[in-house]
Amino acid sequence: VGGESTRPGADKVWEGDEIKRVVPVIERLAAAGVAVSIDTRKAAVMEAALAAGAHIINDISGLLHDPRSMEVVAKAGCPVVLMHSPSP
């Protein structure tokens, strides 16, 4: 589940808006027993998604976009998919 497009030229989304977009979807999917992955580069979104029931973090920045990301995933102990996307 993702709340911000990371395609080249896409508008950036404030983390609060991203959270509002993804949390209701994650809550419904998790309540239905679906294993949920959150697709984000932002630590606050990771935290909100995990609290809502996400099980996996997928970060196209390889946890480099947000300095708190590594701390969030280490504390959560959840699986992490590390991707690489060149910085804009």
PDB file of N, CA and C in Angstrom:
ATOM      1  N   VAL A   1       0.864  -1.165   0.000  1.00  0.00           N
ATOM      2  CA  VAL A   1       0.000   0.000   0.000  1.00  0.00           C
ATOM      3  C   VAL A   1       0.907   1.222   0.000  1.00  0.00           C
ATOM      4  N   GLY A   2       0.645   2.147  -0.904  1.00  0.00           N
ATOM      5  CA  GLY A   2       1.439   3.363  -0.980  1.00  0.00           C
ATOM      6  C   GLY A   2       0.561   4.592  -1.092  1.00  0.00           C
ATOM      7  N   GLY A   3       1.012   5.696  -0.519  1.00  0.00           N
ATOM      8  CA  GLY A   3       0.249   6.925  -0.544  1.00  0.00           C
ATOM      9  C   GLY A   3       0.946   8.067  -1.248  1.00  0.00           C
ATOM     10  N   GLU A   4       2.075   7.763  -1.907  1.00  0.00           N
ATOM     11  CA  GLU A   4       2.813   8.791  -2.634  1.00  0.00           C
ATOM     12  C   GLU A   4       3.469   8.141  -3.847  1.00  0.00           C
ATOM     13  N   SER A   5       3.265   8.732  -4.999  1.00  0.00           N
ATOM     14  CA  SER A   5       3.935   8.229  -6.190  1.00  0.00           C
ATOM     15  C   SER A   5       5.406   8.643  -6.151  1.00  0.00           C
ATOM     16  N   THR A   6       6.271   7.728  -6.504  1.00  0.00           N
ATOM     17  CA  THR A   6       7.702   8.046  -6.554  1.00  0.00           C
ATOM     18  C   THR A   6       8.227   8.045  -7.982  1.00  0.00           C
ATOM     19  N   ARG A   7       7.306   8.101  -8.942  1.00  0.00           N
ATOM     20  CA  ARG A   7       7.739   8.182 -10.337  1.00  0.00           C
ATOM     21  C   ARG A   7       8.431   9.520 -10.559  1.00  0.00           C
ATOM     22  N   PRO A   8       9.345   9.603 -11.503  1.00  0.00           N
ATOM     23  CA  PRO A   8      10.023  10.874 -11.778  1.00  0.00           C
ATOM     24  C   PRO A   8       9.021  11.985 -12.102  1.00  0.00           C
ATOM     25  N   GLY A   9       9.192  13.130 -11.463  1.00  0.00           N
ATOM     26  CA  GLY A   9       8.332  14.275 -11.705  1.00  0.00           C
ATOM     27  C   GLY A   9       7.064  14.318 -10.881  1.00  0.00           C
ATOM     28  N   ALA A  10       6.793  13.286 -10.098  1.00  0.00           N
ATOM     29  CA  ALA A  10       5.569  13.261  -9.286  1.00  0.00           C
ATOM     30  C   ALA A  10       5.661  14.286  -8.161  1.00  0.00           C
ATOM     31  N   ASP A  11       4.515  14.842  -7.791  1.00  0.00           N
ATOM     32  CA  ASP A  11       4.471  15.782  -6.672  1.00  0.00           C
ATOM     33  C   ASP A  11       4.788  15.056  -5.371  1.00  0.00           C
ATOM     34  N   LYS A  12       5.524  15.736  -4.482  1.00  0.00           N
ATOM     35  CA  LYS A  12       5.792  15.179  -3.159  1.00  0.00           C
ATOM     36  C   LYS A  12       4.543  15.305  -2.308  1.00  0.00           C
ATOM     37  N   VAL A  13       4.374  14.367  -1.393  1.00  0.00           N
ATOM     38  CA  VAL A  13       3.211  14.344  -0.505  1.00  0.00           C
ATOM     39  C   VAL A  13       3.701  14.499   0.929  1.00  0.00           C
ATOM     40  N   TRP A  14       3.100  15.448   1.652  1.00  0.00           N
ATOM     41  CA  TRP A  14       3.427  15.638   3.064  1.00  0.00           C
ATOM     42  C   TRP A  14       3.085  14.366   3.827  1.00  0.00           C
ATOM     43  N   GLU A  15       3.910  14.008   4.794  1.00  0.00           N
ATOM     44  CA  GLU A  15       3.729  12.736   5.517  1.00  0.00           C
ATOM     45  C   GLU A  15       2.365  12.630   6.185  1.00  0.00           C
ATOM     46  N   GLY A  16       1.814  13.717   6.674  1.00  0.00           N
ATOM     47  CA  GLY A  16       0.481  13.672   7.284  1.00  0.00           C
ATOM     48  C   GLY A  16      -0.591  13.274   6.282  1.00  0.00           C
ATOM     49  N   ASP A  17      -0.492  13.800   5.068  1.00  0.00           N
ATOM     50  CA  ASP A  17      -1.445  13.418   4.024  1.00  0.00           C
ATOM     51  C   ASP A  17      -1.240  11.972   3.595  1.00  0.00           C
ATOM     52  N   GLU A  18       0.010  11.556   3.532  1.00  0.00           N
ATOM     53  CA  GLU A  18       0.306  10.165   3.164  1.00  0.00           C
ATOM     54  C   GLU A  18      -0.283   9.204   4.202  1.00  0.00           C
ATOM     55  N   ILE A  19      -0.141   9.549   5.467  1.00  0.00           N
ATOM     56  CA  ILE A  19      -0.703   8.720   6.540  1.00  0.00           C
ATOM     57  C   ILE A  19      -2.224   8.639   6.415  1.00  0.00           C
ATOM     58  N   LYS A  20      -2.867   9.774   6.158  1.00  0.00           N
ATOM     59  CA  LYS A  20      -4.329   9.781   5.994  1.00  0.00           C
ATOM     60  C   LYS A  20      -4.768   8.898   4.833  1.00  0.00           C
ATOM     61  N   ARG A  21      -3.946   8.814   3.811  1.00  0.00           N
ATOM     62  CA  ARG A  21      -4.283   7.991   2.654  1.00  0.00           C
ATOM     63  C   ARG A  21      -4.142   6.501   2.928  1.00  0.00           C
ATOM     64  N   VAL A  22      -3.086   6.112   3.630  1.00  0.00           N
ATOM     65  CA  VAL A  22      -2.782   4.678   3.737  1.00  0.00           C
ATOM     66  C   VAL A  22      -3.369   3.980   4.955  1.00  0.00           C
ATOM     67  N   VAL A  23      -3.491   4.672   6.074  1.00  0.00           N
ATOM     68  CA  VAL A  23      -3.909   4.003   7.309  1.00  0.00           C
ATOM     69  C   VAL A  23      -5.284   3.344   7.194  1.00  0.00           C
ATOM     70  N   PRO A  24      -6.303   4.008   6.663  1.00  0.00           N
ATOM     71  CA  PRO A  24      -7.604   3.322   6.568  1.00  0.00           C
ATOM     72  C   PRO A  24      -7.549   2.066   5.698  1.00  0.00           C
ATOM     73  N   VAL A  25      -6.777   2.105   4.643  1.00  0.00           N
ATOM     74  CA  VAL A  25      -6.655   0.940   3.756  1.00  0.00           C
ATOM     75  C   VAL A  25      -5.939  -0.192   4.480  1.00  0.00           C
ATOM     76  N   ILE A  26      -4.858   0.136   5.160  1.00  0.00           N
ATOM     77  CA  ILE A  26      -4.094  -0.878   5.896  1.00  0.00           C
ATOM     78  C   ILE A  26      -4.953  -1.502   6.991  1.00  0.00           C
ATOM     79  N   GLU A  27      -5.686  -0.684   7.722  1.00  0.00           N
ATOM     80  CA  GLU A  27      -6.536  -1.214   8.794  1.00  0.00           C
ATOM     81  C   GLU A  27      -7.547  -2.220   8.251  1.00  0.00           C
ATOM     82  N   ARG A  28      -8.163  -1.899   7.128  1.00  0.00           N
ATOM     83  CA  ARG A  28      -9.165  -2.811   6.555  1.00  0.00           C
ATOM     84  C   ARG A  28      -8.531  -4.096   6.044  1.00  0.00           C
ATOM     85  N   LEU A  29      -7.403  -3.969   5.374  1.00  0.00           N
ATOM     86  CA  LEU A  29      -6.724  -5.164   4.857  1.00  0.00           C
ATOM     87  C   LEU A  29      -6.235  -6.045   5.998  1.00  0.00           C
ATOM     88  N   ALA A  30      -5.624  -5.440   7.007  1.00  0.00           N
ATOM     89  CA  ALA A  30      -5.111  -6.204   8.145  1.00  0.00           C
ATOM     90  C   ALA A  30      -6.246  -6.896   8.900  1.00  0.00           C
ATOM     91  N   ALA A  31      -7.374  -6.210   9.041  1.00  0.00           N
ATOM     92  CA  ALA A  31      -8.532  -6.801   9.721  1.00  0.00           C
ATOM     93  C   ALA A  31      -9.077  -8.002   8.957  1.00  0.00           C
ATOM     94  N   ALA A  32      -8.845  -8.021   7.644  1.00  0.00           N
ATOM     95  CA  ALA A  32      -9.297  -9.140   6.808  1.00  0.00           C
ATOM     96  C   ALA A  32      -8.265 -10.264   6.760  1.00  0.00           C
ATOM     97  N   GLY A  33      -7.156 -10.088   7.477  1.00  0.00           N
ATOM     98  CA  GLY A  33      -6.141 -11.135   7.534  1.00  0.00           C
ATOM     99  C   GLY A  33      -5.105 -11.083   6.426  1.00  0.00           C
ATOM    100  N   VAL A  34      -5.043  -9.970   5.715  1.00  0.00           N
ATOM    101  CA  VAL A  34      -4.090  -9.825   4.616  1.00  0.00           C
ATOM    102  C   VAL A  34      -2.742  -9.353   5.163  1.00  0.00           C
ATOM    103  N   ALA A  35      -1.659  -9.959   4.694  1.00  0.00           N
ATOM    104  CA  ALA A  35      -0.318  -9.474   5.031  1.00  0.00           C
ATOM    105  C   ALA A  35      -0.080  -8.197   4.230  1.00  0.00           C
ATOM    106  N   VAL A  36       0.191  -7.102   4.926  1.00  0.00           N
ATOM    107  CA  VAL A  36       0.272  -5.797   4.289  1.00  0.00           C
ATOM    108  C   VAL A  36       1.695  -5.267   4.295  1.00  0.00           C
ATOM    109  N   SER A  37       2.089  -4.722   3.143  1.00  0.00           N
ATOM    110  CA  SER A  37       3.367  -4.035   2.999  1.00  0.00           C
ATOM    111  C   SER A  37       3.093  -2.554   2.778  1.00  0.00           C
ATOM    112  N   ILE A  38       3.796  -1.695   3.490  1.00  0.00           N
ATOM    113  CA  ILE A  38       3.688  -0.257   3.280  1.00  0.00           C
ATOM    114  C   ILE A  38       4.854   0.181   2.398  1.00  0.00           C
ATOM    115  N   ASP A  39       4.532   0.923   1.359  1.00  0.00           N
ATOM    116  CA  ASP A  39       5.526   1.425   0.407  1.00  0.00           C
ATOM    117  C   ASP A  39       5.735   2.906   0.706  1.00  0.00           C
ATOM    118  N   THR A  40       6.799   3.233   1.417  1.00  0.00           N
ATOM    119  CA  THR A  40       7.063   4.618   1.813  1.00  0.00           C
ATOM    120  C   THR A  40       8.549   4.820   2.073  1.00  0.00           C
ATOM    121  N   ARG A  41       8.937   6.093   2.048  1.00  0.00           N
ATOM    122  CA  ARG A  41      10.314   6.487   2.375  1.00  0.00           C
ATOM    123  C   ARG A  41      10.368   7.228   3.703  1.00  0.00           C
ATOM    124  N   LYS A  42       9.223   7.404   4.360  1.00  0.00           N
ATOM    125  CA  LYS A  42       9.121   8.285   5.521  1.00  0.00           C
ATOM    126  C   LYS A  42       8.880   7.500   6.805  1.00  0.00           C
ATOM    127  N   ALA A  43       9.717   7.781   7.812  1.00  0.00           N
ATOM    128  CA  ALA A  43       9.636   7.062   9.085  1.00  0.00           C
ATOM    129  C   ALA A  43       8.284   7.222   9.768  1.00  0.00           C
ATOM    130  N   ALA A  44       7.713   8.415   9.756  1.00  0.00           N
ATOM    131  CA  ALA A  44       6.416   8.626  10.412  1.00  0.00           C
ATOM    132  C   ALA A  44       5.326   7.798   9.744  1.00  0.00           C
ATOM    133  N   VAL A  45       5.403   7.654   8.434  1.00  0.00           N
ATOM    134  CA  VAL A  45       4.424   6.835   7.711  1.00  0.00           C
ATOM    135  C   VAL A  45       4.649   5.368   8.046  1.00  0.00           C
ATOM    136  N   MET A  46       5.903   4.959   8.145  1.00  0.00           N
ATOM    137  CA  MET A  46       6.206   3.580   8.548  1.00  0.00           C
ATOM    138  C   MET A  46       5.598   3.272   9.909  1.00  0.00           C
ATOM    139  N   GLU A  47       5.793   4.174  10.863  1.00  0.00           N
ATOM    140  CA  GLU A  47       5.263   3.962  12.211  1.00  0.00           C
ATOM    141  C   GLU A  47       3.740   3.866  12.204  1.00  0.00           C
ATOM    142  N   ALA A  48       3.093   4.780  11.507  1.00  0.00           N
ATOM    143  CA  ALA A  48       1.635   4.770  11.448  1.00  0.00           C
ATOM    144  C   ALA A  48       1.123   3.509  10.769  1.00  0.00           C
ATOM    145  N   ALA A  49       1.797   3.093   9.711  1.00  0.00           N
ATOM    146  CA  ALA A  49       1.386   1.897   8.977  1.00  0.00           C
ATOM    147  C   ALA A  49       1.551   0.646   9.831  1.00  0.00           C
ATOM    148  N   LEU A  50       2.655   0.542  10.541  1.00  0.00           N
ATOM    149  CA  LEU A  50       2.870  -0.608  11.419  1.00  0.00           C
ATOM    150  C   LEU A  50       1.822  -0.640  12.523  1.00  0.00           C
ATOM    151  N   ALA A  51       1.507   0.515  13.095  1.00  0.00           N
ATOM    152  CA  ALA A  51       0.482   0.589  14.136  1.00  0.00           C
ATOM    153  C   ALA A  51      -0.896   0.201  13.595  1.00  0.00           C
ATOM    154  N   ALA A  52      -1.111   0.454  12.299  1.00  0.00           N
ATOM    155  CA  ALA A  52      -2.397   0.123  11.665  1.00  0.00           C
ATOM    156  C   ALA A  52      -2.489  -1.336  11.244  1.00  0.00           C
ATOM    157  N   GLY A  53      -1.351  -2.060  11.305  1.00  0.00           N
ATOM    158  CA  GLY A  53      -1.387  -3.479  10.982  1.00  0.00           C
ATOM    159  C   GLY A  53      -0.498  -3.928   9.837  1.00  0.00           C
ATOM    160  N   ALA A  54       0.306  -3.025   9.272  1.00  0.00           N
ATOM    161  CA  ALA A  54       1.243  -3.435   8.221  1.00  0.00           C
ATOM    162  C   ALA A  54       2.282  -4.384   8.812  1.00  0.00           C
ATOM    163  N   HIS A  55       2.791  -5.271   7.968  1.00  0.00           N
ATOM    164  CA  HIS A  55       3.761  -6.272   8.423  1.00  0.00           C
ATOM    165  C   HIS A  55       5.140  -6.097   7.799  1.00  0.00           C
ATOM    166  N   ILE A  56       5.207  -5.404   6.668  1.00  0.00           N
ATOM    167  CA  ILE A  56       6.435  -5.297   5.885  1.00  0.00           C
ATOM    168  C   ILE A  56       6.634  -3.839   5.474  1.00  0.00           C
ATOM    169  N   ILE A  57       7.879  -3.391   5.489  1.00  0.00           N
ATOM    170  CA  ILE A  57       8.241  -2.060   4.994  1.00  0.00           C
ATOM    171  C   ILE A  57       8.939  -2.236   3.650  1.00  0.00           C
ATOM    172  N   ASN A  58       8.492  -1.471   2.657  1.00  0.00           N
ATOM    173  CA  ASN A  58       9.126  -1.443   1.337  1.00  0.00           C
ATOM    174  C   ASN A  58       9.561  -0.003   1.098  1.00  0.00           C
ATOM    175  N   ASP A  59      10.872   0.226   1.060  1.00  0.00           N
ATOM    176  CA  ASP A  59      11.411   1.581   0.941  1.00  0.00           C
ATOM    177  C   ASP A  59      12.313   1.683  -0.281  1.00  0.00           C
ATOM    178  N   ILE A  60      11.884   2.478  -1.271  1.00  0.00           N
ATOM    179  CA  ILE A  60      12.679   2.608  -2.496  1.00  0.00           C
ATOM    180  C   ILE A  60      13.981   3.359  -2.278  1.00  0.00           C
ATOM    181  N   SER A  61      14.111   4.027  -1.135  1.00  0.00           N
ATOM    182  CA  SER A  61      15.349   4.775  -0.876  1.00  0.00           C
ATOM    183  C   SER A  61      16.371   3.939  -0.110  1.00  0.00           C
ATOM    184  N   GLY A  62      16.066   2.676   0.144  1.00  0.00           N
ATOM    185  CA  GLY A  62      16.999   1.835   0.899  1.00  0.00           C
ATOM    186  C   GLY A  62      17.209   2.335   2.316  1.00  0.00           C
ATOM    187  N   LEU A  63      16.180   2.958   2.900  1.00  0.00           N
ATOM    188  CA  LEU A  63      16.201   3.529   4.250  1.00  0.00           C
ATOM    189  C   LEU A  63      17.121   4.742   4.366  1.00  0.00           C
ATOM    190  N   LEU A  64      17.413   5.404   3.257  1.00  0.00           N
ATOM    191  CA  LEU A  64      18.311   6.559   3.279  1.00  0.00           C
ATOM    192  C   LEU A  64      17.582   7.898   3.210  1.00  0.00           C
ATOM    193  N   HIS A  65      16.322   7.920   2.808  1.00  0.00           N
ATOM    194  CA  HIS A  65      15.591   9.181   2.647  1.00  0.00           C
ATOM    195  C   HIS A  65      15.331   9.873   3.981  1.00  0.00           C
ATOM    196  N   ASP A  66      14.939   9.108   4.976  1.00  0.00           N
ATOM    197  CA  ASP A  66      14.586   9.658   6.288  1.00  0.00           C
ATOM    198  C   ASP A  66      15.565   9.089   7.316  1.00  0.00           C
ATOM    199  N   PRO A  67      16.271   9.958   8.029  1.00  0.00           N
ATOM    200  CA  PRO A  67      17.278   9.469   8.985  1.00  0.00           C
ATOM    201  C   PRO A  67      16.722   8.567  10.092  1.00  0.00           C
ATOM    202  N   ARG A  68      15.421   8.626  10.358  1.00  0.00           N
ATOM    203  CA  ARG A  68      14.821   7.787  11.403  1.00  0.00           C
ATOM    204  C   ARG A  68      14.367   6.420  10.910  1.00  0.00           C
ATOM    205  N   SER A  69      14.401   6.192   9.607  1.00  0.00           N
ATOM    206  CA  SER A  69      13.861   4.945   9.052  1.00  0.00           C
ATOM    207  C   SER A  69      14.514   3.693   9.621  1.00  0.00           C
ATOM    208  N   MET A  70      15.825   3.683   9.699  1.00  0.00           N
ATOM    209  CA  MET A  70      16.509   2.488  10.228  1.00  0.00           C
ATOM    210  C   MET A  70      16.101   2.205  11.659  1.00  0.00           C
ATOM    211  N   GLU A  71      15.962   3.251  12.448  1.00  0.00           N
ATOM    212  CA  GLU A  71      15.537   3.097  13.836  1.00  0.00           C
ATOM    213  C   GLU A  71      14.128   2.498  13.910  1.00  0.00           C
ATOM    214  N   VAL A  72      13.240   2.968  13.060  1.00  0.00           N
ATOM    215  CA  VAL A  72      11.861   2.481  13.055  1.00  0.00           C
ATOM    216  C   VAL A  72      11.812   0.998  12.710  1.00  0.00           C
ATOM    217  N   VAL A  73      12.505   0.589  11.652  1.00  0.00           N
ATOM    218  CA  VAL A  73      12.434  -0.820  11.258  1.00  0.00           C
ATOM    219  C   VAL A  73      13.178  -1.717  12.243  1.00  0.00           C
ATOM    220  N   ALA A  74      14.265  -1.221  12.815  1.00  0.00           N
ATOM    221  CA  ALA A  74      14.986  -2.019  13.811  1.00  0.00           C
ATOM    222  C   ALA A  74      14.113  -2.251  15.041  1.00  0.00           C
ATOM    223  N   LYS A  75      13.423  -1.208  15.482  1.00  0.00           N
ATOM    224  CA  LYS A  75      12.547  -1.327  16.644  1.00  0.00           C
ATOM    225  C   LYS A  75      11.375  -2.263  16.358  1.00  0.00           C
ATOM    226  N   ALA A  76      10.839  -2.187  15.147  1.00  0.00           N
ATOM    227  CA  ALA A  76       9.693  -3.018  14.778  1.00  0.00           C
ATOM    228  C   ALA A  76      10.085  -4.472  14.566  1.00  0.00           C
ATOM    229  N   GLY A  77      11.316  -4.708  14.125  1.00  0.00           N
ATOM    230  CA  GLY A  77      11.744  -6.077  13.857  1.00  0.00           C
ATOM    231  C   GLY A  77      10.986  -6.722  12.711  1.00  0.00           C
ATOM    232  N   CYS A  78      10.476  -5.912  11.813  1.00  0.00           N
ATOM    233  CA  CYS A  78       9.669  -6.428  10.702  1.00  0.00           C
ATOM    234  C   CYS A  78      10.538  -6.658   9.460  1.00  0.00           C
ATOM    235  N   PRO A  79      10.053  -7.470   8.522  1.00  0.00           N
ATOM    236  CA  PRO A  79      10.776  -7.621   7.254  1.00  0.00           C
ATOM    237  C   PRO A  79      10.818  -6.291   6.503  1.00  0.00           C
ATOM    238  N   VAL A  80      11.923  -6.070   5.789  1.00  0.00           N
ATOM    239  CA  VAL A  80      12.126  -4.829   5.047  1.00  0.00           C
ATOM    240  C   VAL A  80      12.570  -5.171   3.634  1.00  0.00           C
ATOM    241  N   VAL A  81      11.944  -4.533   2.655  1.00  0.00           N
ATOM    242  CA  VAL A  81      12.362  -4.646   1.259  1.00  0.00           C
ATOM    243  C   VAL A  81      13.130  -3.375   0.943  1.00  0.00           C
ATOM    244  N   LEU A  82      14.406  -3.514   0.619  1.00  0.00           N
ATOM    245  CA  LEU A  82      15.237  -2.367   0.291  1.00  0.00           C
ATOM    246  C   LEU A  82      15.369  -2.244  -1.209  1.00  0.00           C
ATOM    247  N   MET A  83      14.953  -1.109  -1.716  1.00  0.00           N
ATOM    248  CA  MET A  83      15.029  -0.831  -3.139  1.00  0.00           C
ATOM    249  C   MET A  83      16.019   0.314  -3.331  1.00  0.00           C
ATOM    250  N   HIS A  84      16.284   0.650  -4.570  1.00  0.00           N
ATOM    251  CA  HIS A  84      17.141   1.795  -4.862  1.00  0.00           C
ATOM    252  C   HIS A  84      16.528   2.635  -5.953  1.00  0.00           C
ATOM    253  N   SER A  85      16.393   3.905  -5.677  1.00  0.00           N
ATOM    254  CA  SER A  85      15.921   4.860  -6.657  1.00  0.00           C
ATOM    255  C   SER A  85      16.848   6.055  -6.591  1.00  0.00           C
ATOM    256  N   PRO A  86      17.370   6.503  -7.713  1.00  0.00           N
ATOM    257  CA  PRO A  86      18.261   7.664  -7.670  1.00  0.00           C
ATOM    258  C   PRO A  86      17.565   8.870  -7.033  1.00  0.00           C
ATOM    259  N   SER A  87      18.314   9.637  -6.271  1.00  0.00           N
ATOM    260  CA  SER A  87      17.753  10.830  -5.646  1.00  0.00           C
ATOM    261  C   SER A  87      17.379  11.848  -6.705  1.00  0.00           C
ATOM    262  N   PRO A  88      16.262  12.565  -6.459  1.00  0.00           N
ATOM    263  CA  PRO A  88      15.853  13.584  -7.430  1.00  0.00           C
ATOM    264  C   PRO A  88      16.793  14.773  -7.449  1.00  0.00           C
TER     265      PRO A  88
END
